[in-house]
N, C-alpha and C. Protein backbone atom coordinates (compact mmCIF):
# COMPACT_ATOMS: atom_id res chain seq x y z
N MET A 1 1.38 10.45 -18.00
CA MET A 1 1.83 9.03 -18.47
C MET A 1 3.06 8.67 -17.45
N LYS A 2 3.95 10.02 -17.92
CA LYS A 2 5.64 10.01 -16.96
C LYS A 2 5.73 9.65 -15.80
N LYS A 3 4.66 10.45 -15.20
CA LYS A 3 4.61 11.05 -13.67
C LYS A 3 3.99 9.43 -13.48
N LEU A 4 3.57 8.95 -13.76
CA LEU A 4 3.07 7.51 -13.17
C LEU A 4 4.27 6.60 -13.81
N VAL A 5 4.87 6.99 -14.39
CA VAL A 5 5.88 5.68 -14.10
C VAL A 5 7.43 5.71 -13.35
N ALA A 6 7.37 7.27 -13.50
CA ALA A 6 8.80 7.83 -12.58
C ALA A 6 8.00 7.47 -11.21
N CYS A 7 7.07 7.69 -10.88
CA CYS A 7 6.94 7.23 -9.12
C CYS A 7 7.18 5.57 -9.34
N LEU A 8 6.09 4.61 -10.41
CA LEU A 8 6.31 3.39 -10.09
C LEU A 8 7.60 3.24 -10.11
N SER A 9 8.30 3.91 -10.71
CA SER A 9 10.26 3.70 -10.26
C SER A 9 10.84 3.76 -9.86
N LEU A 10 10.23 5.17 -8.64
CA LEU A 10 10.38 5.29 -7.59
C LEU A 10 10.18 4.84 -5.79
N PHE A 11 9.41 3.86 -6.30
CA PHE A 11 8.76 3.13 -5.83
C PHE A 11 9.40 1.77 -5.54
N GLY A 12 9.69 1.64 -6.97
CA GLY A 12 10.25 -0.37 -6.83
C GLY A 12 11.91 -0.02 -6.45
N LEU A 13 12.08 1.20 -6.44
CA LEU A 13 13.79 1.31 -6.09
C LEU A 13 13.72 1.39 -4.28
N PHE A 14 12.96 1.72 -4.11
CA PHE A 14 12.27 1.70 -2.65
C PHE A 14 12.24 0.31 -1.80
N LEU A 15 11.85 -0.22 -2.67
CA LEU A 15 11.02 -2.20 -2.52
C LEU A 15 12.98 -2.96 -2.70
N LEU A 16 13.21 -2.44 -3.05
CA LEU A 16 14.80 -3.35 -3.37
C LEU A 16 15.71 -2.64 -2.62
N ALA A 17 15.48 -1.47 -2.12
CA ALA A 17 16.38 -0.88 -0.99
C ALA A 17 16.67 -1.39 0.42
N MET A 18 15.00 -2.12 0.91
CA MET A 18 14.15 -1.97 1.94
C MET A 18 15.08 -3.29 2.48
N PRO A 19 15.50 -4.16 3.48
CA PRO A 19 15.45 -5.04 3.98
C PRO A 19 15.17 -6.32 3.89
N LYS A 20 15.36 -7.75 3.87
CA LYS A 20 14.80 -8.99 3.46
C LYS A 20 14.20 -8.64 4.79
N ASP A 21 14.95 -9.13 5.95
CA ASP A 21 14.32 -9.44 7.59
C ASP A 21 14.48 -8.22 8.48
N ALA A 22 13.41 -7.47 8.83
CA ALA A 22 13.43 -6.78 9.92
C ALA A 22 12.60 -7.12 11.70
N ASN A 23 13.77 -6.73 12.35
CA ASN A 23 13.25 -7.26 13.83
C ASN A 23 13.10 -5.71 14.33
N ALA A 24 11.18 -5.98 14.42
CA ALA A 24 10.86 -5.17 15.04
C ALA A 24 10.24 -5.18 16.24
N GLN A 25 10.79 -5.49 17.09
CA GLN A 25 9.99 -5.59 18.79
C GLN A 25 10.52 -5.37 19.49
N CYS A 26 9.48 -5.37 20.53
CA CYS A 26 10.03 -4.72 21.80
C CYS A 26 10.91 -5.97 22.56
N PRO A 27 12.05 -5.72 23.72
CA PRO A 27 13.05 -6.24 23.85
C PRO A 27 12.28 -7.53 24.19
N MET A 28 10.97 -7.36 25.75
CA MET A 28 10.50 -8.59 25.99
C MET A 28 10.04 -9.65 25.24
N CYS A 29 9.26 -9.17 23.78
CA CYS A 29 8.35 -9.93 22.85
C CYS A 29 9.85 -10.70 22.07
N LYS A 30 10.71 -9.91 21.72
CA LYS A 30 12.11 -10.89 21.28
C LYS A 30 12.65 -11.58 22.09
N SER A 31 12.83 -11.49 23.25
CA SER A 31 13.36 -12.69 23.96
C SER A 31 12.54 -13.60 24.42
N SER A 32 11.72 -13.55 24.39
CA SER A 32 10.21 -14.52 24.55
C SER A 32 10.35 -15.67 22.76
N VAL A 33 10.42 -14.39 21.63
CA VAL A 33 10.57 -15.39 20.76
C VAL A 33 11.54 -15.96 20.02
N GLU A 34 12.47 -15.69 21.41
CA GLU A 34 14.31 -16.10 20.68
C GLU A 34 13.99 -17.15 21.69
N SER A 35 13.25 -17.51 22.98
CA SER A 35 14.13 -18.54 23.31
C SER A 35 12.71 -19.78 23.24
N SER A 36 11.68 -19.58 22.31
CA SER A 36 10.87 -20.21 22.12
C SER A 36 11.03 -20.58 19.90
N ILE A 37 12.18 -20.12 19.33
CA ILE A 37 12.73 -19.96 18.62
C ILE A 37 13.67 -21.04 18.62
N SER A 38 14.61 -21.03 19.77
CA SER A 38 15.35 -22.12 20.10
C SER A 38 15.48 -23.33 20.71
N GLU A 39 14.15 -23.35 20.71
CA GLU A 39 13.05 -24.40 21.54
C GLU A 39 12.49 -24.99 19.84
N GLY A 40 12.32 -24.64 18.86
CA GLY A 40 11.97 -25.09 18.17
C GLY A 40 10.60 -24.82 17.96
N GLY A 41 10.29 -24.07 18.29
CA GLY A 41 8.99 -22.83 18.50
C GLY A 41 8.89 -22.13 16.84
N LYS A 42 7.87 -21.89 16.42
CA LYS A 42 7.40 -21.07 15.73
C LYS A 42 6.66 -19.56 15.73
N LYS A 43 6.82 -19.79 16.79
CA LYS A 43 6.76 -18.31 17.98
C LYS A 43 6.75 -16.99 16.80
N GLY A 44 8.18 -17.00 16.73
CA GLY A 44 8.37 -15.65 16.30
C GLY A 44 8.51 -15.12 14.62
N ARG A 45 8.25 -15.88 13.47
CA ARG A 45 7.41 -15.76 12.28
C ARG A 45 6.35 -15.58 12.51
N GLY A 46 5.34 -16.16 13.55
CA GLY A 46 4.11 -15.77 13.57
C GLY A 46 3.83 -14.11 13.44
N LEU A 47 4.94 -13.46 14.92
CA LEU A 47 4.52 -12.36 15.15
C LEU A 47 5.36 -11.59 14.26
N ASN A 48 6.49 -11.33 13.22
CA ASN A 48 7.02 -10.82 12.71
C ASN A 48 5.92 -10.18 11.62
N ASN A 49 5.27 -11.27 11.18
CA ASN A 49 3.99 -11.61 9.71
C ASN A 49 3.16 -10.38 10.74
N GLY A 50 2.36 -10.46 11.87
CA GLY A 50 1.34 -9.75 12.11
C GLY A 50 1.41 -8.28 12.44
N ILE A 51 3.47 -7.94 13.13
CA ILE A 51 3.53 -7.04 12.78
C ILE A 51 3.62 -6.19 11.42
N ILE A 52 4.00 -6.39 10.47
CA ILE A 52 4.04 -6.34 9.21
C ILE A 52 2.74 -6.09 8.44
N TYR A 53 1.86 -7.34 8.91
CA TYR A 53 0.77 -6.60 8.38
C TYR A 53 -0.26 -5.44 9.42
N LEU A 54 0.36 -5.38 10.09
CA LEU A 54 0.39 -3.97 11.10
C LEU A 54 0.30 -2.63 10.53
N LEU A 55 1.65 -2.80 9.58
CA LEU A 55 2.26 -1.66 9.07
C LEU A 55 2.10 -1.17 7.99
N ILE A 56 1.06 -2.42 6.99
CA ILE A 56 0.95 -2.07 5.91
C ILE A 56 -0.34 -1.83 5.79
N ALA A 57 -1.43 -1.88 6.90
CA ALA A 57 -2.59 -1.63 6.88
C ALA A 57 -2.81 -0.04 6.73
N PRO A 58 -2.05 1.16 7.80
CA PRO A 58 -2.61 2.61 7.23
C PRO A 58 -2.14 2.76 5.90
N TYR A 59 -1.36 1.83 5.15
CA TYR A 59 -0.63 2.50 3.49
C TYR A 59 -1.55 2.25 2.59
N PHE A 60 -2.51 1.04 2.91
CA PHE A 60 -3.60 0.87 2.34
C PHE A 60 -4.86 2.11 2.42
N ALA A 61 -4.85 1.98 3.89
CA ALA A 61 -5.90 3.11 4.04
C ALA A 61 -5.99 4.39 3.18
N VAL A 62 -4.46 5.28 3.34
CA VAL A 62 -3.91 6.38 3.48
C VAL A 62 -3.88 6.75 1.35
N ALA A 63 -3.82 5.32 1.02
CA ALA A 63 -3.68 5.06 -0.95
C ALA A 63 -5.45 5.16 -0.62
N GLY A 64 -6.22 4.38 -0.04
CA GLY A 64 -7.68 4.38 -0.86
C GLY A 64 -8.44 5.56 -0.55
N VAL A 65 -7.68 6.66 0.47
CA VAL A 65 -8.04 7.88 0.46
C VAL A 65 -8.02 8.85 -0.31
N GLY A 66 -6.74 8.66 -1.13
CA GLY A 66 -6.36 9.07 -2.41
C GLY A 66 -6.57 9.30 -3.05
N PHE A 67 -7.47 7.54 -3.47
CA PHE A 67 -7.56 7.05 -4.72
C PHE A 67 -9.26 7.89 -4.91
N LEU A 68 -9.91 8.06 -3.65
CA LEU A 68 -10.88 8.16 -4.13
C LEU A 68 -11.15 10.01 -4.42
N TRP A 69 -9.94 10.82 -3.19
CA TRP A 69 -10.15 11.98 -3.72
C TRP A 69 -9.60 12.38 -4.58
N TYR A 70 -8.78 11.73 -5.45
CA TYR A 70 -8.54 11.90 -6.76
C TYR A 70 -9.49 11.49 -7.45
N ARG A 71 -10.00 10.62 -7.36
CA ARG A 71 -11.73 10.14 -8.41
C ARG A 71 -12.24 11.42 -8.16
N ASN A 72 -13.18 12.09 -6.84
CA ASN A 72 -13.88 13.07 -6.91
C ASN A 72 -13.72 14.14 -7.49
N TYR A 73 -11.98 14.37 -7.48
CA TYR A 73 -11.90 15.93 -8.08
C TYR A 73 -11.66 15.93 -9.65
N ARG A 74 -10.66 14.98 -10.22
CA ARG A 74 -11.34 14.63 -11.86
C ARG A 74 -13.10 15.03 -12.40
N ARG A 75 -13.56 14.65 -11.06
CA ARG A 75 -15.19 14.76 -11.34
C ARG A 75 -15.66 15.87 -11.84
N LYS A 76 -15.11 16.53 -10.75
CA LYS A 76 -15.72 18.28 -10.47
C LYS A 76 -15.14 18.56 -11.85
N ASN A 77 -13.90 18.69 -12.14
CA ASN A 77 -13.06 19.32 -13.03
C ASN A 77 -13.72 18.76 -14.66
N VAL A 78 -14.65 18.03 -14.24
CA VAL A 78 -14.97 17.59 -16.46
C VAL A 78 -15.32 18.33 -16.53
N ASN A 79 -15.83 19.03 -18.25
CA ASN A 79 -16.41 20.07 -18.45
C ASN A 79 -17.05 18.95 -19.93
N ILE A 80 -18.10 18.84 -19.86
CA ILE A 80 -18.73 18.33 -20.67
C ILE A 80 -19.70 18.83 -21.59
N ASP A 81 -19.05 19.21 -23.21
CA ASP A 81 -19.72 20.04 -23.88
C ASP A 81 -20.31 19.21 -24.89
N ILE A 82 -21.46 18.35 -25.11
CA ILE A 82 -22.76 17.63 -25.96
C ILE A 82 -22.88 19.27 -26.93
N PRO A 83 -22.88 18.74 -28.17
CA PRO A 83 -23.18 19.79 -29.40
C PRO A 83 -24.65 18.98 -28.94
N ASP A 84 -26.32 19.95 -29.75
CA ASP A 84 -27.06 19.45 -30.23
C ASP A 84 -27.55 18.86 -31.05
N GLN A 85 -27.91 17.93 -31.07
CA GLN A 85 -27.12 17.29 -32.42
C GLN A 85 -29.08 16.30 -32.81
N LYS A 86 -29.08 16.62 -34.14
CA LYS A 86 -30.33 16.40 -34.32
C LYS A 86 -30.78 14.89 -35.16
N LEU A 87 -31.65 14.03 -34.40
CA LEU A 87 -31.20 12.50 -35.28
C LEU A 87 -32.04 11.95 -35.91
N ASN A 88 -31.52 11.66 -36.66
CA ASN A 88 -32.57 11.05 -38.52
C ASN A 88 -32.62 9.70 -38.18
N LEU A 89 -34.38 9.83 -38.07
CA LEU A 89 -34.63 7.82 -37.75
C LEU A 89 -35.79 7.77 -38.81
N ASN A 90 -35.58 7.50 -39.59
CA ASN A 90 -36.03 7.78 -41.23
C ASN A 90 -35.48 6.05 -41.42
């Protein structure tokens, strides 16, 4: 439980340290978006959101594989010892 809290706390600190706006575009895309924004368009916001969605997808995939691996690993190491019990059905 302590490891989980520590991991979540570390993740929260990383989220707080990240900048709010990210400009991750090639120069041609950036110039196209800047000219669109200067003319009153909203192409830049959509492009930035698309980039963010594309960056998030691999993290979800890795998290899903990690969860499946963890679940299967836990299932293999479970040792079930059920003693023989006699039931009284009177």
